[in-house]
Amino acid sequence: MARLLAGTADGIFCLTENRSTTEGTVPAPRFLARGARAVCALAAENAVWRRGAEGEWDCLNPRSVEEEVWAFAADPRLPGRFYLGVSPAMLYRSDDGGVTWLACESVRQIPGYETWTFPPPPHIPHIRSIAPDPAVTGGIYIGVEEGGVFRSPDGGRSWLSLNEGLYWDVHTVTPTPTARLYATTGGGFYRSDDGGDRWQHYDDGLDRGYTVTFAASAAAPERVYTAAAATPPPGWRNGANVVLYRSEDGGTHWQRLEQGLPAPFARMVGALVAEGEERVYAAVADTVYRSDDRGEHWQVQASGLPPIQALLPLPDDA
């Protein structure tokens, strides 16, 4: 039976096709990540929680960092390795499953660090996206809003700038086992086919330019999904005007996904997850939508939940 964890403003829910049940007492989990040996959540007060075999949750650290957290990720190949991205832009790393955290001070040495910014005052940039490198154990990519994409081959000790041709307002960066990288930005969707040396903008069929959430299918590497709004957030006062899209060729061409979905969404898609070859989940406000045919048709998996902030499919043995 497929199970999906939903992190909400009022705790964690475990969703199946027929019901939703609460798990533990984790307060306001904003992020969920599956590491090599454990599923963890980052919750209120930046507390790190770990899920047990029976769905129980234990607090590992009641306040991991003091800064505002924008990204949380786990390296699925290195037991105990987790990352936090914060504002002002800094990366933290844990090698003991989230119990203790160390700042990767090398981030401040990246050339151009002092020019990074953020549109709303006081214009403080943050690390918004963190993605372990599937091709290099210990490698990691970060996306800075606004600053660009950077790669570390050694867990955050040193960095390479990967920004030729890329719009620097980066929302997500997604590496693949090949040299291909994907990025969603405030200026649309970008792809690199040479490990980030050069980026190209693709918008065929993508009629909204503010791309945010993104998912790539591990089982079908060319199949990717994104959610995009017509304008940046200042234009969302009367609705965000968001549409979901799918590409079968790595983002070269895009198709709108509408059957069974609001058209458009009034709010940004908060979480987007591709599982296996066919299934994809999207969370918007209090509702989780599910498609079992690559986004061609959608149904409501759960509704009436507290505001949803994160999704994570569970493997059968979790």
C-alpha atoms as a PDB file:
ATOM      1  CA  MET A   1       0.000   0.000   0.000  1.00  0.00           C
ATOM      2  CA  ALA A   2       1.442   3.358  -1.060  1.00  0.00           C
ATOM      3  CA  ARG A   3       1.963   5.740   1.849  1.00  0.00           C
ATOM      4  CA  LEU A   4       2.698   9.436   1.751  1.00  0.00           C
ATOM      5  CA  LEU A   5       3.818  11.671   4.593  1.00  0.00           C
ATOM      6  CA  ALA A   6       2.426  15.200   4.609  1.00  0.00           C
ATOM      7  CA  GLY A   7       4.052  17.818   6.804  1.00  0.00           C
ATOM      8  CA  THR A   8       1.451  20.412   7.766  1.00  0.00           C
ATOM      9  CA  ALA A   9       1.065  23.449   9.984  1.00  0.00           C
ATOM     10  CA  ASP A  10      -0.542  21.154  12.559  1.00  0.00           C
ATOM     11  CA  GLY A  11       1.680  18.081  12.456  1.00  0.00           C
ATOM     12  CA  ILE A  12       2.506  15.096  10.248  1.00  0.00           C
ATOM     13  CA  PHE A  13      -0.140  13.007   8.507  1.00  0.00           C
ATOM     14  CA  CYS A  14       0.349   9.601   6.892  1.00  0.00           C
ATOM     15  CA  LEU A  15      -1.849   9.321   3.807  1.00  0.00           C
ATOM     16  CA  THR A  16      -3.002   6.175   2.041  1.00  0.00           C
ATOM     17  CA  GLU A  17      -5.518   5.895  -0.767  1.00  0.00           C
ATOM     18  CA  ASN A  18      -8.436   5.671   1.669  1.00  0.00           C
ATOM     19  CA  ARG A  19      -7.520   7.603   4.791  1.00  0.00           C
ATOM     20  CA  SER A  20      -5.197  10.002   6.589  1.00  0.00           C
ATOM     21  CA  THR A  21      -3.880   9.481  10.109  1.00  0.00           C
ATOM     22  CA  THR A  22      -1.736  11.675  12.311  1.00  0.00           C
ATOM     23  CA  GLU A  23       1.776  10.594  13.277  1.00  0.00           C
ATOM     24  CA  GLY A  24       3.449  11.665  16.478  1.00  0.00           C
ATOM     25  CA  THR A  25       3.397  15.178  17.898  1.00  0.00           C
ATOM     26  CA  VAL A  26       5.838  16.987  15.618  1.00  0.00           C
ATOM     27  CA  PRO A  27       4.917  20.711  15.742  1.00  0.00           C
ATOM     28  CA  ALA A  28       4.499  22.443  12.373  1.00  0.00           C
ATOM     29  CA  PRO A  29       6.954  20.428  10.249  1.00  0.00           C
ATOM     30  CA  ARG A  30       8.128  22.531   7.298  1.00  0.00           C
ATOM     31  CA  PHE A  31      10.457  20.003   5.629  1.00  0.00           C
ATOM     32  CA  LEU A  32      10.705  16.217   5.310  1.00  0.00           C
ATOM     33  CA  ALA A  33      13.787  14.321   4.100  1.00  0.00           C
ATOM     34  CA  ARG A  34      14.728  10.658   3.770  1.00  0.00           C
ATOM     35  CA  GLY A  35      18.341   9.853   4.544  1.00  0.00           C
ATOM     36  CA  ALA A  36      20.299   6.650   4.187  1.00  0.00           C
ATOM     37  CA  ARG A  37      18.908   5.236   7.426  1.00  0.00           C
ATOM     38  CA  ALA A  38      16.144   7.530   8.649  1.00  0.00           C
ATOM     39  CA  VAL A  39      13.344   9.906   7.734  1.00  0.00           C
ATOM     40  CA  CYS A  40      13.683  13.278   9.439  1.00  0.00           C
ATOM     41  CA  ALA A  41      11.589  16.419   9.743  1.00  0.00           C
ATOM     42  CA  LEU A  42      12.518  20.008  10.407  1.00  0.00           C
ATOM     43  CA  ALA A  43       9.768  21.550  12.505  1.00  0.00           C
ATOM     44  CA  ALA A  44       8.901  24.593  14.632  1.00  0.00           C
ATOM     45  CA  GLU A  45      11.853  26.320  16.310  1.00  0.00           C
ATOM     46  CA  ASN A  46      14.115  24.567  13.753  1.00  0.00           C
ATOM     47  CA  ALA A  47      13.821  21.349  15.748  1.00  0.00           C
ATOM     48  CA  VAL A  48      15.008  18.147  14.062  1.00  0.00           C
ATOM     49  CA  TRP A  49      12.818  15.059  14.517  1.00  0.00           C
ATOM     50  CA  ARG A  50      13.456  11.446  13.452  1.00  0.00           C
ATOM     51  CA  ARG A  51      10.813   8.898  12.492  1.00  0.00           C
ATOM     52  CA  GLY A  52      10.898   5.456  14.068  1.00  0.00           C
ATOM     53  CA  ALA A  53       9.931   2.124  12.526  1.00  0.00           C
ATOM     54  CA  GLU A  54       6.387   2.270  13.902  1.00  0.00           C
ATOM     55  CA  GLY A  55       5.689   5.854  12.894  1.00  0.00           C
ATOM     56  CA  GLU A  56       6.731   7.383  16.193  1.00  0.00           C
ATOM     57  CA  TRP A  57       8.813  10.566  16.171  1.00  0.00           C
ATOM     58  CA  ASP A  58      11.651  11.577  18.490  1.00  0.00           C
ATOM     59  CA  CYS A  59      13.202  15.043  18.815  1.00  0.00           C
ATOM     60  CA  LEU A  60      16.948  14.917  18.141  1.00  0.00           C
ATOM     61  CA  ASN A  61      17.711  18.615  18.506  1.00  0.00           C
ATOM     62  CA  PRO A  62      15.176  21.173  19.778  1.00  0.00           C
ATOM     63  CA  ARG A  63      16.874  24.056  17.936  1.00  0.00           C
ATOM     64  CA  SER A  64      19.339  23.041  15.253  1.00  0.00           C
ATOM     65  CA  VAL A  65      20.236  26.586  14.136  1.00  0.00           C
ATOM     66  CA  GLU A  66      19.195  30.117  15.027  1.00  0.00           C
ATOM     67  CA  GLU A  67      18.667  31.448  11.497  1.00  0.00           C
ATOM     68  CA  GLU A  68      15.553  31.226   9.326  1.00  0.00           C
ATOM     69  CA  VAL A  69      15.651  27.888   7.446  1.00  0.00           C
ATOM     70  CA  TRP A  70      14.722  27.783   3.752  1.00  0.00           C
ATOM     71  CA  ALA A  71      15.945  24.307   2.728  1.00  0.00           C
ATOM     72  CA  PHE A  72      16.469  20.887   4.303  1.00  0.00           C
ATOM     73  CA  ALA A  73      17.933  17.828   2.564  1.00  0.00           C
ATOM     74  CA  ALA A  74      19.515  14.435   3.207  1.00  0.00           C
ATOM     75  CA  ASP A  75      22.209  12.568   1.323  1.00  0.00           C
ATOM     76  CA  PRO A  76      20.708   9.113   0.678  1.00  0.00           C
ATOM     77  CA  ARG A  77      24.156   7.514   0.288  1.00  0.00           C
ATOM     78  CA  LEU A  78      25.911   8.831   3.376  1.00  0.00           C
ATOM     79  CA  PRO A  79      24.371   7.647   6.661  1.00  0.00           C
ATOM     80  CA  GLY A  80      23.737  10.571   8.967  1.00  0.00           C
ATOM     81  CA  ARG A  81      24.428  13.317   6.384  1.00  0.00           C
ATOM     82  CA  PHE A  82      21.837  16.125   6.392  1.00  0.00           C
ATOM     83  CA  TYR A  83      21.969  19.746   5.252  1.00  0.00           C
ATOM     84  CA  LEU A  84      20.208  23.004   6.156  1.00  0.00           C
ATOM     85  CA  GLY A  85      20.072  26.150   4.014  1.00  0.00           C
ATOM     86  CA  VAL A  86      19.367  29.401   5.835  1.00  0.00           C
ATOM     87  CA  SER A  87      19.052  33.176   5.595  1.00  0.00           C
ATOM     88  CA  PRO A  88      21.434  35.007   5.516  1.00  0.00           C
ATOM     89  CA  ALA A  89      22.832  32.612   2.916  1.00  0.00           C
ATOM     90  CA  MET A  90      24.699  29.821   4.710  1.00  0.00           C
ATOM     91  CA  LEU A  91      24.815  26.039   4.574  1.00  0.00           C
ATOM     92  CA  TYR A  92      24.901  23.809   7.645  1.00  0.00           C
ATOM     93  CA  ARG A  93      25.880  20.124   7.626  1.00  0.00           C
ATOM     94  CA  SER A  94      25.179  17.313  10.066  1.00  0.00           C
ATOM     95  CA  ASP A  95      27.014  14.003   9.990  1.00  0.00           C
ATOM     96  CA  ASP A  96      25.204  12.417  12.920  1.00  0.00           C
ATOM     97  CA  GLY A  97      21.641  12.350  11.646  1.00  0.00           C
ATOM     98  CA  GLY A  98      20.705  15.876  12.678  1.00  0.00           C
ATOM     99  CA  VAL A  99      21.904  15.922  16.282  1.00  0.00           C
ATOM    100  CA  THR A 100      24.729  18.437  15.774  1.00  0.00           C
ATOM    101  CA  TRP A 101      25.298  20.982  12.990  1.00  0.00           C
ATOM    102  CA  LEU A 102      28.386  22.682  11.571  1.00  0.00           C
ATOM    103  CA  ALA A 103      28.363  25.821   9.409  1.00  0.00           C
ATOM    104  CA  CYS A 104      30.078  25.463   6.038  1.00  0.00           C
ATOM    105  CA  GLU A 105      31.923  28.778   6.292  1.00  0.00           C
ATOM    106  CA  SER A 106      33.347  28.229   2.812  1.00  0.00           C
ATOM    107  CA  VAL A 107      30.040  29.525   1.409  1.00  0.00           C
ATOM    108  CA  ARG A 108      31.081  33.035   2.397  1.00  0.00           C
ATOM    109  CA  GLN A 109      34.257  32.626   0.334  1.00  0.00           C
ATOM    110  CA  ILE A 110      32.370  32.001  -2.926  1.00  0.00           C
ATOM    111  CA  PRO A 111      33.318  34.813  -5.345  1.00  0.00           C
ATOM    112  CA  GLY A 112      30.436  37.257  -5.593  1.00  0.00           C
ATOM    113  CA  TYR A 113      28.914  36.305  -2.227  1.00  0.00           C
ATOM    114  CA  GLU A 114      28.648  39.960  -1.248  1.00  0.00           C
ATOM    115  CA  THR A 115      26.492  40.676  -4.342  1.00  0.00           C
ATOM    116  CA  TRP A 116      23.799  38.099  -3.518  1.00  0.00           C
ATOM    117  CA  THR A 117      20.464  39.663  -2.670  1.00  0.00           C
ATOM    118  CA  PHE A 118      16.695  39.125  -2.355  1.00  0.00           C
ATOM    119  CA  PRO A 119      13.948  41.382  -3.792  1.00  0.00           C
ATOM    120  CA  PRO A 120      11.950  42.203  -0.620  1.00  0.00           C
ATOM    121  CA  PRO A 121      13.671  44.475   1.917  1.00  0.00           C
ATOM    122  CA  PRO A 122      16.054  44.081   3.671  1.00  0.00           C
ATOM    123  CA  HIS A 123      17.319  42.171   0.590  1.00  0.00           C
ATOM    124  CA  ILE A 124      18.937  39.284   2.481  1.00  0.00           C
ATOM    125  CA  PRO A 125      19.677  36.223   0.275  1.00  0.00           C
ATOM    126  CA  HIS A 126      19.156  32.622   1.336  1.00  0.00           C
ATOM    127  CA  ILE A 127      19.967  29.102   0.250  1.00  0.00           C
ATOM    128  CA  ARG A 128      16.626  27.952  -1.096  1.00  0.00           C
ATOM    129  CA  SER A 129      17.511  24.598  -2.677  1.00  0.00           C
ATOM    130  CA  ILE A 130      19.898  21.793  -1.657  1.00  0.00           C
ATOM    131  CA  ALA A 131      20.469  18.679  -3.764  1.00  0.00           C
ATOM    132  CA  PRO A 132      23.038  15.927  -3.154  1.00  0.00           C
ATOM    133  CA  ASP A 133      25.002  15.011  -6.277  1.00  0.00           C
ATOM    134  CA  PRO A 134      23.796  11.577  -7.466  1.00  0.00           C
ATOM    135  CA  ALA A 135      26.994  11.089  -9.463  1.00  0.00           C
ATOM    136  CA  VAL A 136      29.568  11.929  -6.755  1.00  0.00           C
ATOM    137  CA  THR A 137      29.316  10.645  -3.183  1.00  0.00           C
ATOM    138  CA  GLY A 138      29.522  13.640  -0.874  1.00  0.00           C
ATOM    139  CA  GLY A 139      28.934  16.131  -3.676  1.00  0.00           C
ATOM    140  CA  ILE A 140      26.203  18.731  -3.311  1.00  0.00           C
ATOM    141  CA  TYR A 141      24.474  21.498  -5.256  1.00  0.00           C
ATOM    142  CA  ILE A 142      22.902  24.596  -3.753  1.00  0.00           C
ATOM    143  CA  GLY A 143      20.564  27.158  -5.302  1.00  0.00           C
ATOM    144  CA  VAL A 144      20.722  30.684  -3.904  1.00  0.00           C
ATOM    145  CA  GLU A 145      17.842  33.143  -4.082  1.00  0.00           C
ATOM    146  CA  GLU A 146      19.235  35.407  -5.471  1.00  0.00           C
ATOM    147  CA  GLY A 147      22.753  34.286  -6.266  1.00  0.00           C
ATOM    148  CA  GLY A 148      22.760  31.305  -8.622  1.00  0.00           C
ATOM    149  CA  VAL A 149      23.788  27.645  -8.548  1.00  0.00           C
ATOM    150  CA  PHE A 150      26.954  26.313  -6.942  1.00  0.00           C
ATOM    151  CA  ARG A 151      28.448  22.835  -6.630  1.00  0.00           C
ATOM    152  CA  SER A 152      30.663  21.393  -3.928  1.00  0.00           C
ATOM    153  CA  PRO A 153      32.431  18.083  -4.676  1.00  0.00           C
ATOM    154  CA  ASP A 154      33.359  17.607  -1.011  1.00  0.00           C
ATOM    155  CA  GLY A 155      30.359  18.192   1.235  1.00  0.00           C
ATOM    156  CA  GLY A 156      30.608  21.961   1.401  1.00  0.00           C
ATOM    157  CA  ARG A 157      34.359  22.490   1.823  1.00  0.00           C
ATOM    158  CA  SER A 158      34.928  24.060  -1.595  1.00  0.00           C
ATOM    159  CA  TRP A 159      32.661  25.450  -4.333  1.00  0.00           C
ATOM    160  CA  LEU A 160      32.343  25.893  -8.085  1.00  0.00           C
ATOM    161  CA  SER A 161      30.132  28.562  -9.630  1.00  0.00           C
ATOM    162  CA  LEU A 162      27.759  27.197 -12.322  1.00  0.00           C
ATOM    163  CA  ASN A 163      25.997  30.271 -13.633  1.00  0.00           C
ATOM    164  CA  GLU A 164      26.844  30.964 -17.266  1.00  0.00           C
ATOM    165  CA  GLY A 165      23.522  31.737 -18.970  1.00  0.00           C
ATOM    166  CA  LEU A 166      21.450  31.155 -15.813  1.00  0.00           C
ATOM    167  CA  TYR A 167      19.000  33.620 -14.288  1.00  0.00           C
ATOM    168  CA  TRP A 168      20.295  34.002 -10.747  1.00  0.00           C
ATOM    169  CA  ASP A 169      16.956  34.051  -8.874  1.00  0.00           C
ATOM    170  CA  VAL A 170      17.110  30.281  -8.277  1.00  0.00           C
ATOM    171  CA  HIS A 171      14.208  28.393  -6.670  1.00  0.00           C
ATOM    172  CA  THR A 172      15.288  24.777  -7.232  1.00  0.00           C
ATOM    173  CA  VAL A 173      18.313  22.957  -8.606  1.00  0.00           C
ATOM    174  CA  THR A 174      17.982  19.281  -9.529  1.00  0.00           C
ATOM    175  CA  PRO A 175      20.979  17.209 -10.662  1.00  0.00           C
ATOM    176  CA  THR A 176      20.743  13.875 -12.466  1.00  0.00           C
ATOM    177  CA  PRO A 177      23.172  10.912 -12.614  1.00  0.00           C
ATOM    178  CA  THR A 178      24.342  12.271 -15.983  1.00  0.00           C
ATOM    179  CA  ALA A 179      25.760  15.724 -16.750  1.00  0.00           C
ATOM    180  CA  ARG A 180      22.239  17.183 -16.944  1.00  0.00           C
ATOM    181  CA  LEU A 181      20.993  19.729 -14.401  1.00  0.00           C
ATOM    182  CA  TYR A 182      17.593  21.388 -14.069  1.00  0.00           C
ATOM    183  CA  ALA A 183      16.798  24.720 -12.433  1.00  0.00           C
ATOM    184  CA  THR A 184      13.595  26.634 -11.822  1.00  0.00           C
ATOM    185  CA  THR A 185      13.984  30.383 -11.413  1.00  0.00           C
ATOM    186  CA  GLY A 186      12.091  33.631 -11.246  1.00  0.00           C
ATOM    187  CA  GLY A 187      12.928  33.968 -14.936  1.00  0.00           C
ATOM    188  CA  GLY A 188      11.653  30.543 -16.023  1.00  0.00           C
ATOM    189  CA  PHE A 189      13.016  27.028 -16.516  1.00  0.00           C
ATOM    190  CA  TYR A 190      16.673  26.324 -17.343  1.00  0.00           C
ATOM    191  CA  ARG A 191      18.626  23.193 -18.247  1.00  0.00           C
ATOM    192  CA  SER A 192      22.304  22.411 -18.485  1.00  0.00           C
ATOM    193  CA  ASP A 193      23.561  19.389 -20.409  1.00  0.00           C
ATOM    194  CA  ASP A 194      27.223  19.808 -19.471  1.00  0.00           C
ATOM    195  CA  GLY A 195      27.275  19.733 -15.686  1.00  0.00           C
ATOM    196  CA  GLY A 196      26.395  23.401 -15.263  1.00  0.00           C
ATOM    197  CA  ASP A 197      29.101  24.924 -17.467  1.00  0.00           C
ATOM    198  CA  ARG A 198      26.372  26.491 -19.620  1.00  0.00           C
ATOM    199  CA  TRP A 199      22.617  26.867 -19.166  1.00  0.00           C
ATOM    200  CA  GLN A 200      19.824  27.282 -21.682  1.00  0.00           C
ATOM    201  CA  HIS A 201      16.353  28.698 -21.137  1.00  0.00           C
ATOM    202  CA  TYR A 202      13.404  26.571 -22.367  1.00  0.00           C
ATOM    203  CA  ASP A 203       9.813  27.806 -22.524  1.00  0.00           C
ATOM    204  CA  ASP A 204       8.076  25.968 -25.387  1.00  0.00           C
ATOM    205  CA  GLY A 205       4.577  25.308 -23.998  1.00  0.00           C
ATOM    206  CA  LEU A 206       5.423  26.972 -20.693  1.00  0.00           C
ATOM    207  CA  ASP A 207       3.152  30.005 -20.788  1.00  0.00           C
ATOM    208  CA  ARG A 208       3.958  31.179 -17.261  1.00  0.00           C
ATOM    209  CA  GLY A 209       7.433  32.437 -16.450  1.00  0.00           C
ATOM    210  CA  TYR A 210       7.764  32.273 -12.668  1.00  0.00           C
ATOM    211  CA  THR A 211       8.728  28.625 -12.153  1.00  0.00           C
ATOM    212  CA  VAL A 212       8.919  27.343  -8.590  1.00  0.00           C
ATOM    213  CA  THR A 213       8.277  23.755  -7.481  1.00  0.00           C
ATOM    214  CA  PHE A 214       9.840  20.995  -9.572  1.00  0.00           C
ATOM    215  CA  ALA A 215       9.999  17.203  -9.671  1.00  0.00           C
ATOM    216  CA  ALA A 216      11.973  14.775 -11.813  1.00  0.00           C
ATOM    217  CA  SER A 217      11.113  11.116 -12.238  1.00  0.00           C
ATOM    218  CA  ALA A 218      13.953   8.853 -11.128  1.00  0.00           C
ATOM    219  CA  ALA A 219      12.444   6.017 -13.160  1.00  0.00           C
ATOM    220  CA  ALA A 220      12.060   8.087 -16.343  1.00  0.00           C
ATOM    221  CA  PRO A 221      14.827  10.730 -16.308  1.00  0.00           C
ATOM    222  CA  GLU A 222      13.429  12.766 -19.204  1.00  0.00           C
ATOM    223  CA  ARG A 223      10.051  13.178 -17.471  1.00  0.00           C
ATOM    224  CA  VAL A 224       9.910  16.330 -15.352  1.00  0.00           C
ATOM    225  CA  TYR A 225       7.194  18.459 -13.793  1.00  0.00           C
ATOM    226  CA  THR A 226       6.983  22.061 -12.659  1.00  0.00           C
ATOM    227  CA  ALA A 227       4.511  24.562 -11.277  1.00  0.00           C
ATOM    228  CA  ALA A 228       4.653  28.113 -12.593  1.00  0.00           C
ATOM    229  CA  ALA A 229       2.887  31.389 -11.881  1.00  0.00           C
ATOM    230  CA  ALA A 230       2.279  34.234 -14.278  1.00  0.00           C
ATOM    231  CA  THR A 231       4.079  36.751 -12.067  1.00  0.00           C
ATOM    232  CA  PRO A 232       6.334  36.928  -8.990  1.00  0.00           C
ATOM    233  CA  PRO A 233       4.619  36.965  -5.554  1.00  0.00           C
ATOM    234  CA  PRO A 234       3.835  40.717  -5.478  1.00  0.00           C
ATOM    235  CA  GLY A 235       1.321  39.988  -8.254  1.00  0.00           C
ATOM    236  CA  TRP A 236      -0.460  37.236  -6.300  1.00  0.00           C
ATOM    237  CA  ARG A 237      -2.770  39.467  -4.238  1.00  0.00           C
ATOM    238  CA  ASN A 238      -5.805  38.334  -6.234  1.00  0.00           C
ATOM    239  CA  GLY A 239      -4.539  34.785  -6.824  1.00  0.00           C
ATOM    240  CA  ALA A 240      -1.239  33.305  -7.923  1.00  0.00           C
ATOM    241  CA  ASN A 241      -2.578  32.036 -11.291  1.00  0.00           C
ATOM    242  CA  VAL A 242      -0.526  28.819 -11.142  1.00  0.00           C
ATOM    243  CA  VAL A 243      -0.516  25.916 -13.610  1.00  0.00           C
ATOM    244  CA  LEU A 244       1.172  22.502 -13.493  1.00  0.00           C
ATOM    245  CA  TYR A 245       3.223  21.332 -16.474  1.00  0.00           C
ATOM    246  CA  ARG A 246       4.927  18.130 -17.622  1.00  0.00           C
ATOM    247  CA  SER A 247       7.750  17.557 -20.066  1.00  0.00           C
ATOM    248  CA  GLU A 248       8.698  14.193 -21.580  1.00  0.00           C
ATOM    249  CA  ASP A 249      11.951  15.440 -23.089  1.00  0.00           C
ATOM    250  CA  GLY A 250      13.798  17.014 -20.189  1.00  0.00           C
ATOM    251  CA  GLY A 251      12.070  20.368 -20.407  1.00  0.00           C
ATOM    252  CA  THR A 252      12.534  21.114 -24.103  1.00  0.00           C
ATOM    253  CA  HIS A 253       8.751  21.067 -24.583  1.00  0.00           C
ATOM    254  CA  TRP A 254       6.032  21.443 -21.945  1.00  0.00           C
ATOM    255  CA  GLN A 255       2.378  20.422 -21.678  1.00  0.00           C
ATOM    256  CA  ARG A 256      -0.220  21.868 -19.299  1.00  0.00           C
ATOM    257  CA  LEU A 257      -1.799  19.412 -16.843  1.00  0.00           C
ATOM    258  CA  GLU A 258      -5.432  20.225 -16.127  1.00  0.00           C
ATOM    259  CA  GLN A 259      -7.704  17.159 -15.996  1.00  0.00           C
ATOM    260  CA  GLY A 260      -9.029  16.994 -12.437  1.00  0.00           C
ATOM    261  CA  LEU A 261      -7.134  20.088 -11.251  1.00  0.00           C
ATOM    262  CA  PRO A 262      -8.257  23.664 -10.619  1.00  0.00           C
ATOM    263  CA  ALA A 263      -7.354  25.721 -13.652  1.00  0.00           C
ATOM    264  CA  PRO A 264      -5.517  27.677 -12.555  1.00  0.00           C
ATOM    265  CA  PHE A 265      -4.553  27.299  -8.892  1.00  0.00           C
ATOM    266  CA  ALA A 266      -5.076  30.401  -6.769  1.00  0.00           C
ATOM    267  CA  ARG A 267      -2.030  29.469  -4.673  1.00  0.00           C
ATOM    268  CA  MET A 268       1.426  28.201  -5.523  1.00  0.00           C
ATOM    269  CA  VAL A 269       1.945  24.449  -5.481  1.00  0.00           C
ATOM    270  CA  GLY A 270       3.768  23.949  -2.194  1.00  0.00           C
ATOM    271  CA  ALA A 271       5.143  20.464  -2.856  1.00  0.00           C
ATOM    272  CA  LEU A 272       5.540  18.353  -5.992  1.00  0.00           C
ATOM    273  CA  VAL A 273       6.796  14.755  -5.918  1.00  0.00           C
ATOM    274  CA  ALA A 274       7.262  12.176  -8.703  1.00  0.00           C
ATOM    275  CA  GLU A 275       7.258   8.543  -7.578  1.00  0.00           C
ATOM    276  CA  GLY A 276       8.081   5.648  -9.899  1.00  0.00           C
ATOM    277  CA  GLU A 277       7.289   5.954 -13.596  1.00  0.00           C
ATOM    278  CA  GLU A 278       3.665   7.077 -13.412  1.00  0.00           C
ATOM    279  CA  ARG A 279       2.684   8.535 -10.048  1.00  0.00           C
ATOM    280  CA  VAL A 280       2.982  12.195  -9.113  1.00  0.00           C
ATOM    281  CA  TYR A 281       1.701  14.144  -6.105  1.00  0.00           C
ATOM    282  CA  ALA A 282       0.993  17.860  -5.781  1.00  0.00           C
ATOM    283  CA  ALA A 283       0.097  19.707  -2.577  1.00  0.00           C
ATOM    284  CA  VAL A 284      -1.741  23.033  -2.682  1.00  0.00           C
ATOM    285  CA  ALA A 285      -2.978  24.716   0.510  1.00  0.00           C
ATOM    286  CA  ASP A 286      -5.007  22.001   2.334  1.00  0.00           C
ATOM    287  CA  THR A 287      -5.260  19.459  -0.501  1.00  0.00           C
ATOM    288  CA  VAL A 288      -3.075  16.677  -1.887  1.00  0.00           C
ATOM    289  CA  TYR A 289      -3.721  15.722  -5.521  1.00  0.00           C
ATOM    290  CA  ARG A 290      -2.509  12.419  -7.006  1.00  0.00           C
ATOM    291  CA  SER A 291      -2.071  11.222 -10.549  1.00  0.00           C
ATOM    292  CA  ASP A 292      -1.347   7.624 -11.502  1.00  0.00           C
ATOM    293  CA  ASP A 293      -0.769   8.318 -15.209  1.00  0.00           C
ATOM    294  CA  ARG A 294       2.023  10.921 -15.411  1.00  0.00           C
ATOM    295  CA  GLY A 295      -0.305  13.821 -14.661  1.00  0.00           C
ATOM    296  CA  GLU A 296      -2.854  13.158 -17.410  1.00  0.00           C
ATOM    297  CA  HIS A 297      -5.647  12.734 -14.851  1.00  0.00           C
ATOM    298  CA  TRP A 298      -5.783  13.790 -11.210  1.00  0.00           C
ATOM    299  CA  GLN A 299      -7.820  12.962  -8.143  1.00  0.00           C
ATOM    300  CA  VAL A 300      -7.928  14.337  -4.616  1.00  0.00           C
ATOM    301  CA  GLN A 301      -5.897  12.112  -2.289  1.00  0.00           C
ATOM    302  CA  ALA A 302      -6.731  14.140   0.821  1.00  0.00           C
ATOM    303  CA  SER A 303      -8.373  17.488   1.543  1.00  0.00           C
ATOM    304  CA  GLY A 304      -9.224  19.594   4.543  1.00  0.00           C
ATOM    305  CA  LEU A 305      -5.768  19.126   6.046  1.00  0.00           C
ATOM    306  CA  PRO A 306      -3.950  21.952   7.821  1.00  0.00           C
ATOM    307  CA  PRO A 307      -1.814  23.957   5.352  1.00  0.00           C
ATOM    308  CA  ILE A 308       0.581  21.478   3.715  1.00  0.00           C
ATOM    309  CA  GLN A 309       4.262  22.357   3.682  1.00  0.00           C
ATOM    310  CA  ALA A 310       6.031  19.143   2.605  1.00  0.00           C
ATOM    311  CA  LEU A 311       5.414  15.706   1.042  1.00  0.00           C
ATOM    312  CA  LEU A 312       7.497  12.548   1.228  1.00  0.00           C
ATOM    313  CA  PRO A 313       6.559   9.097  -0.146  1.00  0.00           C
ATOM    314  CA  LEU A 314       7.456   6.229   2.147  1.00  0.00           C
ATOM    315  CA  PRO A 315       9.054   3.021   0.838  1.00  0.00           C
ATOM    316  CA  ASP A 316       7.268  -0.216   1.652  1.00  0.00           C
ATOM    317  CA  ASP A 317       9.812  -1.142   4.334  1.00  0.00           C
ATOM    318  CA  ALA A 318       9.653   2.203   6.195  1.00  0.00           C
END
